[in-house]
Every structure is written in structure tokens, then in C-alpha cells.
Amino acid sequence: MTVLYIDGDACPVREEAFRVATRLNLPVKVVSNGSRPVRPPGLPNVEMVLVPEGADAADDWIAERAMRGDVCITADIPLAARCLAKGARALSFKGRPWTTDNIGGALVGRTISQGMRDMGQMTGGPAPLTKADRSRFLAALDAEIAAARREAATPPPRPWVPFE
């Protein structure tokens, strides 16, 4: 069964994700280290997971459990890469699906931005979430869940073996 994992400490689209997951009868795990209190929604399909404090504790918890057929909602590019490596799908808060085709460039861009910040240059933060972003997120979440369900229902591809 497809599980929806939410990187919960700073997720601005939790309510939207809860509505979609409830409509589709999906279990949701909202994972947080408690640095920003998250109010439980009181929905039977939503589990609030509090992990120990630590920079990557929530990311580690999600990455250890996410697998083929699951979807992770996160703005954390390294977490998205870890989920993709496990066969799960990943989606940004603004509705951008992370894929094996675009995650490498995103990781490089993140590294460059971090280097610029380390040198004292201002790189700015993410733009505020707009109504269009929320709409794009909802459409992308439906598409990612549908694709994850199809993947979970089919056997994984066999590894390629060269003929010699």
C-alpha cells in the first residue's frame, strides 16, 4: 500500500496533503523533530511521528522507511534524492516532482548556494507559496500518488544483465 510521508517541520501544504490522502484512503506519516510544533489533524489515517532532535533525524526516519510505491513530500533536496534512490517518489511543496533526471542538478545548485552563503553572499530564501503553487501541488500530488500506486502494483524491473 502506498504511504504518504511528509517532512513535517516546515511543510506549508500539510492540510492539502491530508485532504488528498483522506480522499484516496492513504496512510500519512508526518515526521517532525518537534522544533516547530505541528498540531495533529485528528484524522484516522494521519500519524504524527516525533523523532529525536537532530539536524537530519526526520530525514533519516523517512529515508529508512520510504520504498517503491511511496510518496515523500519535502523541500529537502538530499532527502528527495535518498527517497528516489529507494524507489519512492518525491514531490516539492510547490508541486515539482523530483525525479532521477532533475535531482542531480538540484543537488549541485544546492551545493553552490551553500558555498555562496558560506562566503557571506546573500542567496535569498524560497519565494512565498502562492495560490497557483498550491493548485500545482494538488495536481502533482494526485499524479504522483497514481504513479506510485501503479508502481507498487507491478513487479520491479529485472536488473540488466549483459550478454557476453
N, C-alpha and C. Protein backbone atom coordinates (compact mmCIF):
# COMPACT_ATOMS: atom_id res chain seq x y z
N MET A 1 0.83 -1.18 0.00
CA MET A 1 0.00 0.00 0.00
C MET A 1 0.88 1.25 0.00
N THR A 2 0.51 2.20 -0.79
CA THR A 2 1.23 3.46 -0.87
C THR A 2 1.10 4.23 0.44
N VAL A 3 2.23 4.72 0.94
CA VAL A 3 2.27 5.55 2.14
C VAL A 3 2.74 6.94 1.74
N LEU A 4 2.11 7.96 2.30
CA LEU A 4 2.49 9.34 2.06
C LEU A 4 3.31 9.82 3.26
N TYR A 5 4.58 10.14 3.02
CA TYR A 5 5.46 10.66 4.05
C TYR A 5 5.57 12.17 3.88
N ILE A 6 5.41 12.90 4.98
CA ILE A 6 5.53 14.35 4.93
C ILE A 6 6.66 14.79 5.85
N ASP A 7 7.62 15.49 5.27
CA ASP A 7 8.69 16.11 6.03
C ASP A 7 8.04 17.30 6.73
N GLY A 8 7.62 17.09 7.99
CA GLY A 8 6.63 17.94 8.61
C GLY A 8 7.05 19.22 9.29
N ASP A 9 8.31 19.43 9.59
CA ASP A 9 8.68 20.60 10.37
C ASP A 9 8.34 21.92 9.68
N ALA A 10 8.48 22.01 8.41
CA ALA A 10 8.24 23.28 7.73
C ALA A 10 7.33 23.13 6.51
N CYS A 11 6.48 22.13 6.52
CA CYS A 11 5.64 21.86 5.34
C CYS A 11 4.43 22.79 5.31
N PRO A 12 4.34 23.65 4.29
CA PRO A 12 3.21 24.58 4.21
C PRO A 12 1.97 23.98 3.53
N VAL A 13 2.06 22.73 3.06
CA VAL A 13 0.93 22.14 2.34
C VAL A 13 0.40 20.88 3.03
N ARG A 14 0.57 20.82 4.34
CA ARG A 14 0.08 19.65 5.09
C ARG A 14 -1.42 19.46 4.92
N GLU A 15 -2.18 20.54 5.09
CA GLU A 15 -3.65 20.42 5.03
C GLU A 15 -4.09 19.91 3.66
N GLU A 16 -3.47 20.39 2.61
CA GLU A 16 -3.81 19.93 1.26
C GLU A 16 -3.50 18.44 1.12
N ALA A 17 -2.34 18.04 1.64
CA ALA A 17 -1.94 16.63 1.56
C ALA A 17 -2.90 15.75 2.37
N PHE A 18 -3.33 16.24 3.54
CA PHE A 18 -4.29 15.47 4.35
C PHE A 18 -5.59 15.26 3.59
N ARG A 19 -6.07 16.30 2.92
CA ARG A 19 -7.33 16.17 2.17
C ARG A 19 -7.21 15.13 1.06
N VAL A 20 -6.12 15.20 0.31
CA VAL A 20 -5.91 14.24 -0.79
C VAL A 20 -5.79 12.82 -0.24
N ALA A 21 -4.99 12.65 0.80
CA ALA A 21 -4.78 11.32 1.37
C ALA A 21 -6.07 10.75 1.95
N THR A 22 -6.87 11.58 2.58
CA THR A 22 -8.14 11.11 3.14
C THR A 22 -9.09 10.70 2.01
N ARG A 23 -9.13 11.50 0.95
CA ARG A 23 -9.99 11.17 -0.20
C ARG A 23 -9.57 9.84 -0.83
N LEU A 24 -8.26 9.57 -0.87
CA LEU A 24 -7.74 8.36 -1.51
C LEU A 24 -7.50 7.22 -0.52
N ASN A 25 -7.83 7.45 0.74
CA ASN A 25 -7.69 6.43 1.79
C ASN A 25 -6.24 5.95 1.92
N LEU A 26 -5.32 6.91 2.01
CA LEU A 26 -3.90 6.60 2.15
C LEU A 26 -3.42 6.87 3.56
N PRO A 27 -2.54 6.03 4.08
CA PRO A 27 -1.92 6.36 5.36
C PRO A 27 -0.89 7.48 5.17
N VAL A 28 -0.83 8.37 6.16
CA VAL A 28 0.09 9.50 6.12
C VAL A 28 0.95 9.48 7.37
N LYS A 29 2.23 9.70 7.20
CA LYS A 29 3.16 9.82 8.32
C LYS A 29 3.78 11.21 8.25
N VAL A 30 3.44 12.06 9.23
CA VAL A 30 4.01 13.40 9.31
C VAL A 30 5.17 13.31 10.29
N VAL A 31 6.38 13.46 9.78
CA VAL A 31 7.57 13.23 10.59
C VAL A 31 8.21 14.57 10.95
N SER A 32 8.44 14.75 12.26
CA SER A 32 8.94 16.02 12.77
C SER A 32 9.88 15.77 13.94
N ASN A 33 10.84 16.68 14.14
CA ASN A 33 11.69 16.57 15.32
C ASN A 33 11.21 17.48 16.44
N GLY A 34 10.07 18.11 16.25
CA GLY A 34 9.47 18.94 17.28
C GLY A 34 10.01 20.34 17.37
N SER A 35 10.92 20.73 16.47
CA SER A 35 11.46 22.08 16.53
C SER A 35 10.39 23.13 16.24
N ARG A 36 9.41 22.76 15.46
CA ARG A 36 8.24 23.61 15.19
C ARG A 36 7.02 22.75 15.48
N PRO A 37 6.29 23.06 16.53
CA PRO A 37 5.14 22.21 16.89
C PRO A 37 4.15 22.08 15.74
N VAL A 38 3.72 20.84 15.51
CA VAL A 38 2.76 20.54 14.47
C VAL A 38 1.50 20.02 15.16
N ARG A 39 0.39 20.66 14.88
CA ARG A 39 -0.87 20.26 15.50
C ARG A 39 -1.43 19.03 14.79
N PRO A 40 -1.73 17.95 15.54
CA PRO A 40 -2.31 16.76 14.91
C PRO A 40 -3.67 17.11 14.30
N PRO A 41 -3.96 16.58 13.11
CA PRO A 41 -5.22 16.93 12.45
C PRO A 41 -6.42 16.14 12.97
N GLY A 42 -6.20 15.11 13.76
CA GLY A 42 -7.32 14.32 14.26
C GLY A 42 -7.96 13.43 13.21
N LEU A 43 -7.20 13.04 12.21
CA LEU A 43 -7.70 12.17 11.15
C LEU A 43 -7.18 10.75 11.40
N PRO A 44 -8.02 9.72 11.18
CA PRO A 44 -7.58 8.35 11.48
C PRO A 44 -6.44 7.85 10.61
N ASN A 45 -6.27 8.41 9.42
CA ASN A 45 -5.22 7.94 8.52
C ASN A 45 -3.90 8.69 8.69
N VAL A 46 -3.87 9.69 9.59
CA VAL A 46 -2.67 10.51 9.76
C VAL A 46 -2.00 10.18 11.08
N GLU A 47 -0.73 9.80 10.99
CA GLU A 47 0.07 9.50 12.18
C GLU A 47 1.15 10.57 12.32
N MET A 48 1.23 11.18 13.50
CA MET A 48 2.26 12.15 13.78
C MET A 48 3.45 11.39 14.38
N VAL A 49 4.62 11.51 13.76
CA VAL A 49 5.81 10.81 14.22
C VAL A 49 6.80 11.86 14.73
N LEU A 50 7.12 11.79 16.02
CA LEU A 50 8.09 12.70 16.62
C LEU A 50 9.40 11.95 16.79
N VAL A 51 10.44 12.44 16.12
CA VAL A 51 11.76 11.80 16.19
C VAL A 51 12.63 12.63 17.13
N PRO A 52 13.74 12.06 17.63
CA PRO A 52 14.64 12.84 18.49
C PRO A 52 15.17 14.07 17.77
N GLU A 53 15.53 15.08 18.56
CA GLU A 53 16.09 16.29 17.96
C GLU A 53 17.39 15.96 17.24
N GLY A 54 17.61 16.69 16.20
CA GLY A 54 18.81 16.49 15.40
C GLY A 54 18.57 17.01 14.00
N ALA A 55 19.63 17.46 13.37
CA ALA A 55 19.51 18.11 12.07
C ALA A 55 18.81 17.24 11.04
N ASP A 56 19.14 15.96 10.97
CA ASP A 56 18.58 15.11 9.93
C ASP A 56 17.78 13.95 10.48
N ALA A 57 17.33 14.03 11.72
CA ALA A 57 16.63 12.90 12.34
C ALA A 57 15.34 12.56 11.59
N ALA A 58 14.56 13.57 11.23
CA ALA A 58 13.31 13.31 10.50
C ALA A 58 13.62 12.76 9.11
N ASP A 59 14.63 13.33 8.45
CA ASP A 59 15.02 12.87 7.12
C ASP A 59 15.46 11.41 7.17
N ASP A 60 16.27 11.08 8.18
CA ASP A 60 16.76 9.71 8.31
C ASP A 60 15.59 8.74 8.52
N TRP A 61 14.63 9.14 9.35
CA TRP A 61 13.48 8.27 9.65
C TRP A 61 12.70 7.98 8.36
N ILE A 62 12.46 9.03 7.58
CA ILE A 62 11.71 8.87 6.33
C ILE A 62 12.50 8.01 5.35
N ALA A 63 13.77 8.35 5.15
CA ALA A 63 14.61 7.65 4.17
C ALA A 63 14.76 6.17 4.49
N GLU A 64 14.76 5.82 5.77
CA GLU A 64 14.87 4.41 6.16
C GLU A 64 13.61 3.62 5.81
N ARG A 65 12.46 4.27 5.78
CA ARG A 65 11.18 3.58 5.61
C ARG A 65 10.56 3.71 4.22
N ALA A 66 10.84 4.79 3.52
CA ALA A 66 10.26 5.01 2.20
C ALA A 66 10.73 3.92 1.25
N MET A 67 9.82 3.46 0.41
CA MET A 67 10.19 2.42 -0.56
C MET A 67 9.36 2.59 -1.83
N ARG A 68 9.64 1.75 -2.78
CA ARG A 68 8.93 1.77 -4.06
C ARG A 68 7.43 1.77 -3.81
N GLY A 69 6.73 2.69 -4.44
CA GLY A 69 5.29 2.79 -4.27
C GLY A 69 4.87 3.84 -3.26
N ASP A 70 5.82 4.47 -2.56
CA ASP A 70 5.51 5.51 -1.58
C ASP A 70 5.79 6.88 -2.19
N VAL A 71 5.27 7.92 -1.53
CA VAL A 71 5.49 9.30 -1.95
C VAL A 71 5.96 10.10 -0.75
N CYS A 72 7.00 10.90 -0.94
CA CYS A 72 7.52 11.77 0.11
C CYS A 72 7.33 13.22 -0.33
N ILE A 73 6.75 14.03 0.56
CA ILE A 73 6.59 15.46 0.30
C ILE A 73 7.66 16.18 1.09
N THR A 74 8.56 16.86 0.39
CA THR A 74 9.67 17.54 1.05
C THR A 74 10.25 18.63 0.17
N ALA A 75 10.82 19.65 0.82
CA ALA A 75 11.59 20.66 0.11
C ALA A 75 13.08 20.37 0.26
N ASP A 76 13.40 19.33 1.02
CA ASP A 76 14.78 18.96 1.30
C ASP A 76 15.32 18.12 0.14
N ILE A 77 16.20 18.70 -0.64
CA ILE A 77 16.69 18.04 -1.85
C ILE A 77 17.47 16.76 -1.53
N PRO A 78 18.36 16.76 -0.53
CA PRO A 78 19.04 15.50 -0.21
C PRO A 78 18.06 14.40 0.24
N LEU A 79 17.03 14.76 0.99
CA LEU A 79 16.03 13.75 1.37
C LEU A 79 15.31 13.23 0.13
N ALA A 80 14.94 14.11 -0.77
CA ALA A 80 14.29 13.68 -2.01
C ALA A 80 15.19 12.70 -2.76
N ALA A 81 16.50 12.99 -2.83
CA ALA A 81 17.44 12.11 -3.52
C ALA A 81 17.49 10.74 -2.84
N ARG A 82 17.49 10.72 -1.52
CA ARG A 82 17.53 9.45 -0.79
C ARG A 82 16.25 8.64 -1.04
N CYS A 83 15.11 9.31 -1.08
CA CYS A 83 13.85 8.61 -1.35
C CYS A 83 13.85 8.04 -2.77
N LEU A 84 14.30 8.84 -3.73
CA LEU A 84 14.37 8.36 -5.12
C LEU A 84 15.28 7.14 -5.22
N ALA A 85 16.39 7.16 -4.50
CA ALA A 85 17.32 6.03 -4.53
C ALA A 85 16.68 4.75 -4.00
N LYS A 86 15.70 4.89 -3.13
CA LYS A 86 15.00 3.73 -2.58
C LYS A 86 13.81 3.31 -3.45
N GLY A 87 13.55 4.05 -4.52
CA GLY A 87 12.45 3.71 -5.41
C GLY A 87 11.16 4.45 -5.12
N ALA A 88 11.15 5.29 -4.08
CA ALA A 88 9.96 6.08 -3.75
C ALA A 88 9.91 7.30 -4.67
N ARG A 89 8.78 7.97 -4.66
CA ARG A 89 8.62 9.21 -5.40
C ARG A 89 8.76 10.37 -4.43
N ALA A 90 9.15 11.54 -4.94
CA ALA A 90 9.32 12.72 -4.08
C ALA A 90 8.73 13.93 -4.79
N LEU A 91 8.13 14.81 -3.97
CA LEU A 91 7.42 15.97 -4.50
C LEU A 91 7.73 17.18 -3.63
N SER A 92 8.02 18.32 -4.26
CA SER A 92 8.29 19.54 -3.50
C SER A 92 6.97 20.17 -3.06
N PHE A 93 7.08 21.11 -2.13
CA PHE A 93 5.90 21.80 -1.63
C PHE A 93 5.20 22.62 -2.71
N LYS A 94 5.93 22.99 -3.74
CA LYS A 94 5.35 23.79 -4.82
C LYS A 94 4.88 22.93 -6.00
N GLY A 95 4.87 21.61 -5.82
CA GLY A 95 4.34 20.74 -6.85
C GLY A 95 5.34 20.29 -7.89
N ARG A 96 6.61 20.45 -7.61
CA ARG A 96 7.64 19.98 -8.54
C ARG A 96 8.02 18.55 -8.18
N PRO A 97 7.75 17.61 -9.08
CA PRO A 97 8.19 16.24 -8.81
C PRO A 97 9.71 16.14 -8.93
N TRP A 98 10.33 15.54 -7.92
CA TRP A 98 11.76 15.25 -8.01
C TRP A 98 11.90 13.92 -8.73
N THR A 99 12.79 13.87 -9.70
CA THR A 99 13.00 12.66 -10.49
C THR A 99 14.49 12.37 -10.59
N THR A 100 14.82 11.20 -11.09
CA THR A 100 16.23 10.88 -11.29
C THR A 100 16.84 11.80 -12.35
N ASP A 101 16.01 12.39 -13.21
CA ASP A 101 16.52 13.30 -14.24
C ASP A 101 16.84 14.70 -13.71
N ASN A 102 16.13 15.16 -12.66
CA ASN A 102 16.36 16.53 -12.21
C ASN A 102 17.01 16.65 -10.83
N ILE A 103 17.13 15.57 -10.11
CA ILE A 103 17.65 15.67 -8.74
C ILE A 103 19.14 16.00 -8.70
N GLY A 104 19.91 15.51 -9.66
CA GLY A 104 21.34 15.80 -9.68
C GLY A 104 21.62 17.29 -9.83
N GLY A 105 20.92 17.93 -10.76
CA GLY A 105 21.09 19.37 -10.95
C GLY A 105 20.65 20.15 -9.72
N ALA A 106 19.58 19.70 -9.07
CA ALA A 106 19.11 20.37 -7.85
C ALA A 106 20.13 20.24 -6.73
N LEU A 107 20.76 19.07 -6.61
CA LEU A 107 21.79 18.88 -5.58
C LEU A 107 22.99 19.78 -5.84
N VAL A 108 23.39 19.91 -7.10
CA VAL A 108 24.51 20.78 -7.45
C VAL A 108 24.17 22.24 -7.14
N GLY A 109 22.97 22.66 -7.53
CA GLY A 109 22.53 24.03 -7.25
C GLY A 109 22.50 24.32 -5.76
N ARG A 110 22.08 23.34 -4.98
CA ARG A 110 22.04 23.49 -3.52
C ARG A 110 23.46 23.66 -2.98
N THR A 111 24.39 22.88 -3.49
CA THR A 111 25.78 22.96 -3.04
C THR A 111 26.38 24.32 -3.39
N ILE A 112 26.09 24.81 -4.58
CA ILE A 112 26.61 26.13 -5.00
C ILE A 112 26.03 27.22 -4.11
N SER A 113 24.73 27.17 -3.85
CA SER A 113 24.10 28.17 -2.99
C SER A 113 24.69 28.14 -1.59
N GLN A 114 24.93 26.93 -1.07
CA GLN A 114 25.53 26.80 0.26
C GLN A 114 26.93 27.41 0.27
N GLY A 115 27.70 27.17 -0.77
CA GLY A 115 29.03 27.76 -0.87
C GLY A 115 28.98 29.28 -0.90
N MET A 116 28.02 29.83 -1.62
CA MET A 116 27.87 31.29 -1.68
C MET A 116 27.49 31.85 -0.31
N ARG A 117 26.60 31.16 0.40
CA ARG A 117 26.22 31.60 1.75
C ARG A 117 27.42 31.52 2.69
N ASP A 118 28.22 30.47 2.56
CA ASP A 118 29.40 30.32 3.40
C ASP A 118 30.41 31.44 3.17
N MET A 119 30.40 32.01 1.95
CA MET A 119 31.30 33.12 1.63
C MET A 119 30.69 34.47 2.01
N GLY A 120 29.49 34.43 2.58
CA GLY A 120 28.86 35.67 3.03
C GLY A 120 27.93 36.32 2.03
N GLN A 121 27.71 35.69 0.89
CA GLN A 121 26.80 36.25 -0.10
C GLN A 121 25.37 35.88 0.24
N MET A 122 24.47 36.80 0.03
CA MET A 122 23.06 36.55 0.27
C MET A 122 22.49 35.85 -0.96
N THR A 123 21.88 34.69 -0.74
CA THR A 123 21.30 33.96 -1.87
C THR A 123 19.78 34.01 -1.83
N GLY A 124 19.20 34.53 -0.76
CA GLY A 124 17.74 34.63 -0.66
C GLY A 124 17.13 33.28 -0.33
N GLY A 125 15.94 33.32 0.18
CA GLY A 125 15.22 32.10 0.51
C GLY A 125 14.19 31.80 -0.55
N PRO A 126 13.38 30.79 -0.31
CA PRO A 126 12.34 30.46 -1.28
C PRO A 126 11.26 31.54 -1.31
N ALA A 127 10.67 31.71 -2.46
CA ALA A 127 9.57 32.66 -2.60
C ALA A 127 8.36 32.14 -1.83
N PRO A 128 7.51 33.04 -1.35
CA PRO A 128 6.31 32.59 -0.62
C PRO A 128 5.42 31.71 -1.51
N LEU A 129 4.69 30.82 -0.87
CA LEU A 129 3.78 29.93 -1.58
C LEU A 129 2.56 30.72 -2.07
N THR A 130 2.22 30.58 -3.34
CA THR A 130 1.08 31.29 -3.91
C THR A 130 -0.09 30.32 -4.10
N LYS A 131 -1.25 30.87 -4.45
CA LYS A 131 -2.41 30.02 -4.76
C LYS A 131 -2.10 29.10 -5.93
N ALA A 132 -1.38 29.62 -6.92
CA ALA A 132 -1.01 28.81 -8.09
C ALA A 132 -0.10 27.66 -7.67
N ASP A 133 0.82 27.93 -6.72
CA ASP A 133 1.70 26.86 -6.21
C ASP A 133 0.88 25.77 -5.53
N ARG A 134 -0.10 26.17 -4.71
CA ARG A 134 -0.93 25.19 -4.01
C ARG A 134 -1.74 24.35 -5.01
N SER A 135 -2.25 25.01 -6.03
CA SER A 135 -3.01 24.30 -7.06
C SER A 135 -2.11 23.32 -7.81
N ARG A 136 -0.90 23.78 -8.16
CA ARG A 136 0.07 22.92 -8.85
C ARG A 136 0.44 21.73 -7.96
N PHE A 137 0.60 22.00 -6.66
CA PHE A 137 0.94 20.93 -5.72
C PHE A 137 -0.17 19.88 -5.69
N LEU A 138 -1.42 20.30 -5.60
CA LEU A 138 -2.54 19.35 -5.54
C LEU A 138 -2.60 18.48 -6.78
N ALA A 139 -2.44 19.08 -7.96
CA ALA A 139 -2.47 18.31 -9.20
C ALA A 139 -1.29 17.34 -9.26
N ALA A 140 -0.10 17.82 -8.86
CA ALA A 140 1.08 16.97 -8.90
C ALA A 140 0.98 15.84 -7.88
N LEU A 141 0.40 16.12 -6.70
CA LEU A 141 0.27 15.08 -5.69
C LEU A 141 -0.65 13.96 -6.18
N ASP A 142 -1.77 14.32 -6.80
CA ASP A 142 -2.65 13.30 -7.37
C ASP A 142 -1.91 12.45 -8.40
N ALA A 143 -1.13 13.11 -9.26
CA ALA A 143 -0.39 12.39 -10.31
C ALA A 143 0.68 11.49 -9.69
N GLU A 144 1.41 11.97 -8.70
CA GLU A 144 2.47 11.17 -8.07
C GLU A 144 1.88 9.97 -7.33
N ILE A 145 0.76 10.15 -6.66
CA ILE A 145 0.13 9.04 -5.95
C ILE A 145 -0.35 7.99 -6.95
N ALA A 146 -0.96 8.43 -8.03
CA ALA A 146 -1.43 7.47 -9.05
C ALA A 146 -0.25 6.68 -9.62
N ALA A 147 0.85 7.37 -9.92
CA ALA A 147 2.03 6.69 -10.46
C ALA A 147 2.63 5.74 -9.42
N ALA A 148 2.67 6.18 -8.16
CA ALA A 148 3.23 5.32 -7.10
C ALA A 148 2.38 4.07 -6.92
N ARG A 149 1.07 4.22 -6.99
CA ARG A 149 0.18 3.05 -6.87
C ARG A 149 0.40 2.08 -8.03
N ARG A 150 0.58 2.61 -9.24
CA ARG A 150 0.85 1.72 -10.38
C ARG A 150 2.16 0.98 -10.18
N GLU A 151 3.18 1.70 -9.72
CA GLU A 151 4.49 1.07 -9.49
C GLU A 151 4.41 0.00 -8.41
N ALA A 152 3.65 0.27 -7.36
CA ALA A 152 3.52 -0.69 -6.27
C ALA A 152 2.80 -1.95 -6.72
N ALA A 153 1.94 -1.83 -7.72
CA ALA A 153 1.15 -2.97 -8.20
C ALA A 153 1.87 -3.82 -9.23
N THR A 154 2.99 -3.33 -9.75
CA THR A 154 3.73 -4.08 -10.76
C THR A 154 5.06 -4.54 -10.17
N PRO A 155 5.56 -5.68 -10.63
CA PRO A 155 6.85 -6.14 -10.10
C PRO A 155 7.96 -5.18 -10.51
N PRO A 156 9.01 -5.07 -9.69
CA PRO A 156 10.12 -4.20 -10.07
C PRO A 156 10.81 -4.73 -11.32
N PRO A 157 11.43 -3.82 -12.08
CA PRO A 157 12.13 -4.27 -13.28
C PRO A 157 13.29 -5.18 -12.92
N ARG A 158 13.52 -6.13 -13.80
CA ARG A 158 14.67 -7.03 -13.59
C ARG A 158 15.94 -6.29 -13.90
N PRO A 159 17.01 -6.60 -13.18
CA PRO A 159 18.28 -5.92 -13.46
C PRO A 159 18.80 -6.30 -14.84
N TRP A 160 19.46 -5.38 -15.47
CA TRP A 160 20.03 -5.61 -16.77
C TRP A 160 21.26 -6.48 -16.64
N VAL A 161 21.35 -7.48 -17.48
CA VAL A 161 22.49 -8.39 -17.48
C VAL A 161 23.08 -8.40 -18.90
N PRO A 162 24.35 -8.03 -19.04
CA PRO A 162 24.95 -8.02 -20.38
C PRO A 162 25.18 -9.44 -20.88
N PHE A 163 25.05 -9.61 -22.17
CA PHE A 163 25.35 -10.90 -22.78
C PHE A 163 26.77 -10.86 -23.29
N GLU A 164 27.53 -11.86 -22.95
CA GLU A 164 28.92 -11.89 -23.42
C GLU A 164 29.22 -13.22 -24.03
